[in-house]
Structure formats: C-alpha cells, structure tokens
Amino acid sequence: MADRYIEVALAKRGVRATALLLADKAPVTCAAVWDALPLSGDVYHAKYARNEIYALFPPFAPEEPPLENPTITPIPGDLCYFTFTGTELGTSSHGYDRPQSGTIVDLALFYERNNLLINGDVGWVPGIVWGQVVDGLDALAEACNDLWRTGAQGETLSFRRQP
C-alpha cells in the first residue's frame, strides 16, 4: 500500500503541517481515522501531558481500535489517538465548556519534547501513535505555543486527507 498523508491545521492561525500515517505500526487506527476524514473540532491545550493540543470527537470507528503502537512518552510530531468515557473527562478541572458523556475520541498532536501521559485523576494514559508530522512542525509548534499563551478560544484543529 502507498504511503498516506494528511494535513493537520489550526484554522484561525492559518498554520498547516503534513503528517504520514503509520499504517505499518497502527493499521486499525490509521484505517479508522482515514475513513472518518475530514475531522475538525475545537482545539484544547493539554494540562497534564505538557506539549499537546487535541480535539474531541464522537466515536467514528465501527469498533474502537486496540492499543497498537502505544506510548506514554510521545515525541514531537506524534499524532495520538485516545478513547475516554465522559466520566473520565467529566470533572470541572478539565475545563470543558459543556459536559462530556459517552465515549469520546481524542485526536492529539504533540509538538515539543518532554511529554508524559499521566493524569492525576486516572493515572497512566497510553495513546496510540498513528501518525507523524513530516513537514511543517516548526510553524505548527510556534502556533501551539501561541495557543498556550493567548488561548484556544475560537480555534479549531482539523485533519484532512492529502492527495
């Protein structure tokens, strides 16, 4: 199978990057994401994992992917897939403007080093590494740092296929 690429973008900031799907390491997850594209949602900056932005989506796969190609220490450019229940994200400390319920898919981008996927409420939170940014990470990381400093309100994180 030929390599597949997607665009990862912060719309309001006008920043785009290209990521390679890691279909050889996370085939079930890559197929689920690819089939669901395009995806776009409000962006959040992580509180616990450090250098992470993410968007939350309702489930889009026929079955949630198994924990393939897992990590608790993502590196810059990693795209990770997480599945949570609304109760795991339901505390006000998470800062969501609306209650979370049911199954929630979290698609995340890690933009800098020194990340550790541990949450004070639930412990270790392994993620599935399903993609790697191969072009445009520097500009995206700069925009992510701006998002951390100035806020995420009104910004979206989107994923779409590239031809």
Protein backbone atom coordinates (compact mmCIF):
# COMPACT_ATOMS: atom_id res chain seq x y z
CA MET A 1 0.00 0.00 0.00
CA ALA A 2 1.23 3.50 -0.82
CA ASP A 3 2.01 5.96 1.96
CA ARG A 4 -0.93 8.09 3.06
CA TYR A 5 -0.59 11.68 4.18
CA ILE A 6 -2.92 14.05 5.97
CA GLU A 7 -2.98 17.76 6.66
CA VAL A 8 -3.10 18.89 10.29
CA ALA A 9 -4.20 22.51 10.65
CA LEU A 10 -5.02 25.26 13.09
CA ALA A 11 -7.54 27.23 11.05
CA LYS A 12 -7.62 30.60 12.85
CA ARG A 13 -3.83 30.79 12.97
CA GLY A 14 -3.55 29.69 9.32
CA VAL A 15 -0.95 27.01 10.05
CA ARG A 16 -0.77 23.64 8.30
CA ALA A 17 1.51 20.64 8.50
CA THR A 18 1.77 17.32 6.69
CA ALA A 19 1.71 14.02 8.58
CA LEU A 20 2.41 10.48 7.45
CA LEU A 21 0.01 7.79 8.64
CA LEU A 22 1.89 4.97 10.38
CA ALA A 23 -0.20 2.21 8.79
CA ASP A 24 2.54 -0.37 9.31
CA LYS A 25 2.54 0.21 13.09
CA ALA A 26 -1.11 1.11 13.78
CA PRO A 27 -3.13 -0.31 10.87
CA VAL A 28 -6.53 -0.47 12.60
CA THR A 29 -6.28 3.06 13.98
CA CYS A 30 -5.00 4.51 10.70
CA ALA A 31 -7.86 2.89 8.77
CA ALA A 32 -10.42 4.22 11.24
CA VAL A 33 -9.07 7.77 11.10
CA TRP A 34 -8.58 7.76 7.32
CA ASP A 35 -12.14 6.56 6.74
CA ALA A 36 -13.52 9.28 9.04
CA LEU A 37 -11.67 12.22 7.46
CA PRO A 38 -12.15 15.14 7.30
CA LEU A 39 -12.43 15.82 11.05
CA SER A 40 -12.41 19.21 12.74
CA GLY A 41 -13.21 20.40 16.24
CA ASP A 42 -12.49 22.92 18.96
CA VAL A 43 -8.85 22.72 19.97
CA TYR A 44 -7.67 22.35 23.56
CA HIS A 45 -4.19 22.60 25.01
CA ALA A 46 -3.31 19.82 27.47
CA LYS A 47 -2.92 20.49 31.17
CA TYR A 48 -1.21 17.26 32.18
CA ALA A 49 0.73 15.99 29.17
CA ARG A 50 2.60 19.26 28.57
CA ASN A 51 3.16 19.98 24.86
CA GLU A 52 -0.07 18.64 23.40
CA ILE A 53 -3.04 20.07 21.55
CA TYR A 54 -6.11 17.99 20.80
CA ALA A 55 -9.72 17.93 19.65
CA LEU A 56 -12.55 15.70 20.91
CA PHE A 57 -14.86 13.73 18.62
CA PRO A 58 -17.72 11.28 18.93
CA PRO A 59 -16.67 7.72 18.09
CA PHE A 60 -16.25 7.20 14.35
CA ALA A 61 -14.89 3.65 14.06
CA PRO A 62 -17.12 0.56 13.90
CA GLU A 63 -15.11 -0.67 16.92
CA GLU A 64 -12.57 1.24 18.96
CA PRO A 65 -9.03 0.35 17.85
CA PRO A 66 -6.89 -1.88 20.05
CA LEU A 67 -3.93 -0.34 21.85
CA GLU A 68 -1.50 -0.66 18.92
CA ASN A 69 1.82 1.19 18.78
CA PRO A 70 1.27 2.57 22.30
CA THR A 71 3.27 5.23 24.10
CA ILE A 72 3.25 7.20 27.33
CA THR A 73 6.14 9.40 26.14
CA PRO A 74 5.16 10.91 22.77
CA ILE A 75 7.79 12.80 20.83
CA PRO A 76 7.46 15.99 18.75
CA GLY A 77 5.25 15.41 15.72
CA ASP A 78 3.43 12.35 17.10
CA LEU A 79 -0.28 12.11 16.39
CA CYS A 80 -2.01 10.07 19.09
CA TYR A 81 -5.46 8.52 19.43
CA PHE A 82 -7.13 8.16 22.82
CA THR A 83 -10.53 6.86 23.85
CA PHE A 84 -12.18 8.17 27.01
CA THR A 85 -15.55 7.94 28.68
CA GLY A 86 -17.41 11.08 29.63
CA THR A 87 -16.87 10.30 33.30
CA GLU A 88 -13.08 10.31 32.77
CA LEU A 89 -13.32 13.81 31.30
CA GLY A 90 -16.32 14.94 33.34
CA THR A 91 -14.60 16.83 36.15
CA SER A 92 -14.64 20.60 36.02
CA SER A 93 -10.84 20.61 36.37
CA HIS A 94 -10.58 19.62 32.70
CA GLY A 95 -12.06 22.98 31.69
CA TYR A 96 -14.59 21.93 29.04
CA ASP A 97 -17.44 24.34 28.46
CA ARG A 98 -20.00 21.56 28.15
CA PRO A 99 -20.49 18.23 29.92
CA GLN A 100 -18.79 15.22 28.37
CA SER A 101 -20.70 11.95 28.09
CA GLY A 102 -20.49 8.59 26.36
CA THR A 103 -17.37 7.51 24.50
CA ILE A 104 -15.07 10.31 23.37
CA VAL A 105 -12.22 10.10 20.86
CA ASP A 106 -9.30 12.43 21.44
CA LEU A 107 -7.00 13.11 18.46
CA ALA A 108 -3.85 14.79 19.69
CA LEU A 109 -0.71 16.39 18.30
CA PHE A 110 2.46 16.58 20.38
CA TYR A 111 4.62 19.49 19.30
CA GLU A 112 7.61 19.52 21.64
CA ARG A 113 9.67 17.17 23.84
CA ASN A 114 9.29 16.05 27.45
CA ASN A 115 5.72 14.74 27.40
CA LEU A 116 4.49 12.19 29.91
CA LEU A 117 1.00 10.78 29.62
CA ILE A 118 -0.10 10.65 33.23
CA ASN A 119 -3.28 12.16 34.61
CA GLY A 120 -3.74 12.84 38.31
CA ASP A 121 -7.33 11.57 38.19
CA VAL A 122 -6.77 8.25 36.38
CA GLY A 123 -3.01 7.50 36.24
CA TRP A 124 -1.15 6.40 33.10
CA VAL A 125 -2.91 7.21 29.84
CA PRO A 126 -1.26 5.34 26.95
CA GLY A 127 -2.03 6.64 23.49
CA ILE A 128 -1.89 5.05 20.06
CA VAL A 129 0.72 6.70 17.83
CA TRP A 130 -0.95 6.64 14.41
CA GLY A 131 0.84 9.46 12.57
CA GLN A 132 4.00 11.54 12.45
CA VAL A 133 4.32 15.12 11.22
CA VAL A 134 6.90 15.11 8.41
CA ASP A 135 6.67 18.71 7.22
CA GLY A 136 5.70 21.97 8.91
CA LEU A 137 6.22 21.02 12.56
CA ASP A 138 8.25 24.14 13.42
CA ALA A 139 5.49 26.53 12.35
CA LEU A 140 2.83 24.36 13.96
CA ALA A 141 4.80 24.23 17.24
CA GLU A 142 5.10 28.01 17.23
CA ALA A 143 1.31 28.29 16.77
CA CYS A 144 0.75 25.75 19.56
CA ASN A 145 2.91 27.80 21.92
CA ASP A 146 0.89 30.87 20.96
CA LEU A 147 -2.30 28.92 21.65
CA TRP A 148 -0.92 28.05 25.12
CA ARG A 149 -0.06 31.69 25.88
CA THR A 150 -3.01 33.51 24.32
CA GLY A 151 -5.80 30.93 24.49
CA ALA A 152 -7.59 28.43 22.32
CA GLN A 153 -11.00 30.09 22.13
CA GLY A 154 -12.28 30.21 18.57
CA GLU A 155 -9.52 27.96 17.22
CA THR A 156 -10.09 24.60 15.54
CA LEU A 157 -7.85 21.63 14.97
CA SER A 158 -8.54 19.81 11.73
CA PHE A 159 -7.35 16.68 9.99
CA ARG A 160 -7.96 16.05 6.30
CA ARG A 161 -6.64 13.78 3.58
CA GLN A 162 -3.93 14.91 1.25
CA PRO A 163 -3.93 13.53 -2.27
